[in-house]
């Protein structure tokens, strides 16, 4: 190949790479895209005194992994009745080392509010860790019932799911709940991108935990390999149990118990039997 032609090809490729980099660097997140049906609505909440109102709480009974009669409703909760917080880990067998994590908050009236940090999918999109590094997905907080957010994983995806009680006092539970609710509200007005390493379900939960108790969860490789994040939580004394680690996962695995029944109103009670 002639030197001049080679030089022209190298310069052209360099220009294309540079243009792609600038496109990536300056691409802005948006709440106005062609979303999938289940991503079209955002959950958020308000606080008045000791009363929390959650708007667009999702309570869908899923028929398949992607199809269900979507139900969105508004619910009010009394902060004085907030009694527990639990940590869910869903193993993603198709991505070794990866997992989905979320928190679920229990109230003395028997209701549970699950909060899940997820990608907001556009039509035709599916999750890819590689695309997650390239500003491909907006971030969202899904707030819903356990039979929706956990049931989708135990009954339809048929994944291994663990649910761990978290050691936290009443003040810490309330601060954590309100901090996540505030983040959901901020994303409704100021969208952000998901990032496979810096802004995932687990990294955001760590930020919430450290906002409640600074430094409580130090950096650990298991944060970006969340399949092992439950072991990290155990090592930090965050899981409320006296069991040895070898006993913890079998004791708090819920997918098998969940499948003894359907996605009915008794779901939350059944996975805690």
Protein backbone atom coordinates (compact mmCIF):
# COMPACT_ATOMS: atom_id res chain seq x y z
CA UNK A 1 0.00 0.00 0.00
CA UNK A 2 1.31 3.44 -0.90
CA UNK A 3 2.45 5.59 2.06
CA UNK A 4 0.03 8.38 1.19
CA UNK A 5 -2.93 5.99 1.03
CA UNK A 6 -1.92 4.37 4.32
CA UNK A 7 -1.66 7.77 5.93
CA UNK A 8 -5.12 8.74 4.64
CA UNK A 9 -6.67 5.54 6.05
CA UNK A 10 -5.04 6.07 9.46
CA UNK A 11 -6.23 9.68 9.60
CA UNK A 12 -9.75 8.69 8.58
CA UNK A 13 -9.95 5.96 11.23
CA UNK A 14 -8.58 8.37 13.83
CA UNK A 15 -11.22 10.95 12.91
CA UNK A 16 -14.01 8.36 13.16
CA UNK A 17 -12.80 7.19 16.59
CA UNK A 18 -12.54 10.79 17.76
CA UNK A 19 -16.07 11.56 16.57
CA UNK A 20 -17.42 8.45 18.33
CA UNK A 21 -15.64 9.47 21.53
CA UNK A 22 -17.12 12.97 21.44
CA UNK A 23 -20.57 11.51 20.72
CA UNK A 24 -20.19 9.25 23.76
CA UNK A 25 -18.74 11.95 26.01
CA UNK A 26 -21.40 14.54 25.25
CA UNK A 27 -24.47 12.30 24.93
CA UNK A 28 -26.95 13.48 27.52
CA UNK A 29 -29.40 11.33 29.52
CA UNK A 30 -33.08 11.91 28.90
CA UNK A 31 -36.49 10.98 30.26
CA UNK A 32 -37.98 11.36 26.79
CA UNK A 33 -37.28 8.20 24.80
CA UNK A 34 -39.24 5.34 23.24
CA UNK A 35 -39.47 3.32 26.47
CA UNK A 36 -40.73 -0.22 26.87
CA UNK A 37 -44.17 -0.45 28.49
CA UNK A 38 -42.79 -1.39 31.92
CA UNK A 39 -40.16 1.42 31.77
CA UNK A 40 -42.49 4.19 30.66
CA UNK A 41 -43.67 5.09 34.18
CA UNK A 42 -41.35 6.29 36.96
CA UNK A 43 -41.97 5.74 40.67
CA UNK A 44 -41.51 8.59 43.14
CA UNK A 45 -42.74 9.82 46.50
CA UNK A 46 -43.44 12.71 48.84
CA UNK A 47 -43.14 13.11 52.60
CA UNK A 48 -45.51 15.12 54.78
CA UNK A 49 -44.76 14.86 58.47
CA UNK A 50 -44.62 11.14 59.24
CA UNK A 51 -46.63 10.13 56.18
CA UNK A 52 -45.03 8.99 52.94
CA UNK A 53 -46.99 8.82 49.70
CA UNK A 54 -45.52 6.69 46.93
CA UNK A 55 -46.75 7.43 43.44
CA UNK A 56 -46.71 4.76 40.73
CA UNK A 57 -45.98 1.88 43.06
CA UNK A 58 -45.83 -1.13 40.74
CA UNK A 59 -47.88 -4.23 41.58
CA UNK A 60 -47.82 -6.41 38.47
CA UNK A 61 -48.52 -10.13 38.41
CA UNK A 62 -46.13 -11.32 35.70
CA UNK A 63 -47.26 -14.02 33.24
CA UNK A 64 -43.82 -14.25 31.57
CA UNK A 65 -40.48 -12.51 32.08
CA UNK A 66 -41.70 -9.54 30.04
CA UNK A 67 -45.51 -9.73 29.99
CA UNK A 68 -48.03 -8.95 32.66
CA UNK A 69 -50.98 -6.73 33.41
CA UNK A 70 -49.10 -3.65 34.55
CA UNK A 71 -50.60 -2.10 37.66
CA UNK A 72 -49.46 1.26 39.00
CA UNK A 73 -51.07 2.79 42.08
CA UNK A 74 -50.49 5.32 44.82
CA UNK A 75 -50.01 4.18 48.43
CA UNK A 76 -49.43 5.96 51.76
CA UNK A 77 -47.25 4.67 54.58
CA UNK A 78 -46.65 5.68 58.19
CA UNK A 79 -42.93 6.02 58.95
CA UNK A 80 -43.61 5.01 62.55
CA UNK A 81 -44.66 1.59 61.22
CA UNK A 82 -41.43 0.97 59.28
CA UNK A 83 -40.15 -2.17 61.01
CA UNK A 84 -37.56 -3.96 58.84
CA UNK A 85 -35.22 -3.79 55.87
CA UNK A 86 -33.99 -6.76 53.87
CA UNK A 87 -31.41 -7.24 51.13
CA UNK A 88 -32.19 -9.32 48.05
CA UNK A 89 -29.58 -10.94 45.81
CA UNK A 90 -30.68 -12.50 42.51
CA UNK A 91 -27.98 -14.59 40.86
CA UNK A 92 -27.70 -13.90 37.12
CA UNK A 93 -26.43 -17.23 35.82
CA UNK A 94 -25.94 -15.82 32.32
CA UNK A 95 -23.41 -13.28 33.65
CA UNK A 96 -21.05 -15.02 36.15
CA UNK A 97 -20.15 -12.74 39.04
CA UNK A 98 -23.07 -10.45 38.31
CA UNK A 99 -26.31 -10.31 40.26
CA UNK A 100 -29.22 -7.99 40.79
CA UNK A 101 -29.68 -6.55 44.27
CA UNK A 102 -32.42 -4.51 45.89
CA UNK A 103 -33.80 -3.51 49.28
CA UNK A 104 -37.26 -4.21 50.59
CA UNK A 105 -38.81 -2.40 53.56
CA UNK A 106 -41.39 -3.97 55.86
CA UNK A 107 -44.18 -2.21 57.76
CA UNK A 108 -46.08 -3.44 60.81
CA UNK A 109 -49.33 -3.52 58.85
CA UNK A 110 -47.90 -6.40 56.77
CA UNK A 111 -47.05 -4.42 53.64
CA UNK A 112 -43.61 -4.44 52.03
CA UNK A 113 -42.10 -1.85 49.69
CA UNK A 114 -39.32 -3.08 47.41
CA UNK A 115 -36.95 -0.55 45.85
CA UNK A 116 -34.91 -1.66 42.85
CA UNK A 117 -32.25 0.33 40.98
CA UNK A 118 -32.45 -0.73 37.33
CA UNK A 119 -31.79 0.30 33.75
CA UNK A 120 -34.63 2.06 31.97
CA UNK A 121 -35.03 0.10 28.76
CA UNK A 122 -35.98 1.49 25.38
CA UNK A 123 -37.92 -0.59 22.87
CA UNK A 124 -35.71 -3.36 21.52
CA UNK A 125 -33.08 -3.07 24.25
CA UNK A 126 -31.80 -5.81 26.54
CA UNK A 127 -29.18 -5.66 29.28
CA UNK A 128 -25.51 -5.98 28.38
CA UNK A 129 -22.63 -5.22 30.80
CA UNK A 130 -20.59 -3.97 27.83
CA UNK A 131 -23.29 -1.54 26.67
CA UNK A 132 -23.69 -0.51 30.30
CA UNK A 133 -20.23 1.08 30.11
CA UNK A 134 -21.14 3.19 27.08
CA UNK A 135 -23.96 5.46 28.24
CA UNK A 136 -26.56 3.20 26.66
CA UNK A 137 -29.08 3.05 29.50
CA UNK A 138 -30.74 5.62 31.72
CA UNK A 139 -31.07 4.82 35.43
CA UNK A 140 -34.37 4.41 37.27
CA UNK A 141 -35.68 3.39 40.69
CA UNK A 142 -38.57 0.96 40.51
CA UNK A 143 -40.72 0.95 43.65
CA UNK A 144 -43.20 -1.87 43.98
CA UNK A 145 -44.63 -4.81 45.87
CA UNK A 146 -42.60 -7.91 46.59
CA UNK A 147 -44.86 -10.17 44.54
CA UNK A 148 -43.98 -7.95 41.58
CA UNK A 149 -40.27 -7.23 42.01
CA UNK A 150 -39.27 -10.45 43.77
CA UNK A 151 -41.93 -12.63 42.15
CA UNK A 152 -40.68 -11.74 38.67
CA UNK A 153 -37.35 -13.24 39.68
CA UNK A 154 -38.52 -16.31 41.62
CA UNK A 155 -41.42 -17.38 39.40
CA UNK A 156 -40.74 -16.12 35.88
CA UNK A 157 -36.96 -15.84 35.54
CA UNK A 158 -36.52 -18.92 37.74
CA UNK A 159 -33.35 -17.51 39.24
CA UNK A 160 -31.79 -18.33 42.60
CA UNK A 161 -32.88 -15.58 44.99
CA UNK A 162 -31.75 -14.81 48.54
CA UNK A 163 -33.39 -12.42 51.01
CA UNK A 164 -31.33 -11.34 54.03
CA UNK A 165 -32.47 -9.41 57.11
CA UNK A 166 -30.33 -6.31 57.58
CA UNK A 167 -29.16 -5.19 60.99
CA UNK A 168 -30.38 -1.59 61.38
CA UNK A 169 -32.10 0.43 64.08
CA UNK A 170 -35.31 2.40 63.54
CA UNK A 171 -33.49 5.64 62.71
CA UNK A 172 -31.20 3.94 60.19
CA UNK A 173 -34.12 2.18 58.49
CA UNK A 174 -36.02 5.41 58.14
CA UNK A 175 -33.03 7.36 56.83
CA UNK A 176 -32.28 4.63 54.29
CA UNK A 177 -35.90 4.48 53.11
CA UNK A 178 -36.15 8.26 52.72
CA UNK A 179 -32.76 8.53 51.04
CA UNK A 180 -33.78 6.05 48.37
CA UNK A 181 -37.13 7.76 47.94
CA UNK A 182 -35.35 11.10 47.47
CA UNK A 183 -33.07 9.59 44.82
CA UNK A 184 -36.07 8.22 42.93
CA UNK A 185 -37.58 11.70 42.95
CA UNK A 186 -34.37 13.33 41.69
CA UNK A 187 -34.14 10.93 38.73
CA UNK A 188 -37.69 11.87 37.76
CA UNK A 189 -36.52 15.43 37.13
CA UNK A 190 -32.78 14.99 36.48
CA UNK A 191 -32.03 11.79 34.52
CA UNK A 192 -28.70 9.99 34.83
CA UNK A 193 -26.94 7.16 33.05
CA UNK A 194 -26.45 3.67 34.39
CA UNK A 195 -22.81 2.50 34.41
CA UNK A 196 -21.68 -1.11 34.79
CA UNK A 197 -18.93 -0.12 37.25
CA UNK A 198 -19.88 3.17 38.86
CA UNK A 199 -23.68 3.37 38.93
CA UNK A 200 -25.39 0.00 39.27
CA UNK A 201 -28.00 -1.48 41.57
CA UNK A 202 -25.33 -2.42 44.14
CA UNK A 203 -23.08 0.65 43.94
CA UNK A 204 -26.11 2.87 44.48
CA UNK A 205 -27.23 0.80 47.48
CA UNK A 206 -23.74 1.18 48.93
CA UNK A 207 -24.00 4.95 48.52
CA UNK A 208 -27.32 4.95 50.34
CA UNK A 209 -25.88 2.83 53.16
CA UNK A 210 -22.90 5.15 53.53
CA UNK A 211 -25.11 8.23 53.49
CA UNK A 212 -26.88 6.80 56.54
CA UNK A 213 -23.69 5.62 58.24
CA UNK A 214 -20.58 7.13 56.61
CA UNK A 215 -17.88 4.57 55.88
CA UNK A 216 -20.07 1.62 56.88
CA UNK A 217 -19.41 -0.16 53.55
CA UNK A 218 -15.80 0.35 52.38
CA UNK A 219 -14.66 -0.32 48.83
CA UNK A 220 -14.61 -4.02 48.00
CA UNK A 221 -14.33 -5.85 44.67
CA UNK A 222 -17.55 -7.67 45.62
CA UNK A 223 -19.46 -4.42 45.10
CA UNK A 224 -18.93 -4.67 41.34
CA UNK A 225 -19.25 -8.47 41.44
CA UNK A 226 -22.50 -8.47 43.40
CA UNK A 227 -23.03 -12.23 43.18
CA UNK A 228 -20.69 -12.19 46.21
CA UNK A 229 -22.05 -9.03 47.83
CA UNK A 230 -24.01 -11.04 50.40
CA UNK A 231 -20.73 -12.50 51.65
CA UNK A 232 -19.36 -8.96 51.93
CA UNK A 233 -22.45 -7.87 53.87
CA UNK A 234 -22.01 -10.86 56.20
CA UNK A 235 -18.32 -10.02 56.76
CA UNK A 236 -19.30 -6.43 57.65
CA UNK A 237 -21.90 -7.60 60.16
CA UNK A 238 -24.77 -6.17 58.13
CA UNK A 239 -26.78 -9.39 57.93
CA UNK A 240 -28.79 -9.92 61.09
CA UNK A 241 -27.93 -13.55 61.85
CA UNK A 242 -25.90 -15.70 64.24
CA UNK A 243 -25.37 -18.43 61.63
CA UNK A 244 -21.97 -19.35 60.20
CA UNK A 245 -21.41 -18.20 56.63
CA UNK A 246 -21.69 -21.78 55.31
CA UNK A 247 -25.24 -21.86 56.71
CA UNK A 248 -26.39 -18.41 55.63
CA UNK A 249 -27.22 -18.85 51.94
CA UNK A 250 -29.26 -22.05 52.41
CA UNK A 251 -31.15 -20.45 55.30
CA UNK A 252 -32.12 -17.30 53.39
CA UNK A 253 -32.79 -18.72 49.94
CA UNK A 254 -36.40 -17.90 49.02
CA UNK A 255 -37.07 -18.98 45.42
CA UNK A 256 -37.97 -22.55 46.33
CA UNK A 257 -40.31 -21.48 49.13
CA UNK A 258 -41.88 -18.85 46.87
CA UNK A 259 -42.80 -21.46 44.27
CA UNK A 260 -44.95 -23.43 46.73
CA UNK A 261 -47.61 -20.85 45.87
CA UNK A 262 -48.43 -18.28 43.23
CA UNK A 263 -48.00 -14.53 42.95
CA UNK A 264 -50.87 -13.82 45.31
CA UNK A 265 -51.34 -11.57 48.32
CA UNK A 266 -49.68 -14.19 50.53
CA UNK A 267 -46.36 -14.02 48.66
CA UNK A 268 -44.48 -11.94 51.24
CA UNK A 269 -45.60 -14.09 54.15
CA UNK A 270 -44.75 -17.32 52.32
CA UNK A 271 -41.12 -16.39 51.52
CA UNK A 272 -40.60 -15.64 55.23
CA UNK A 273 -41.98 -18.91 56.58
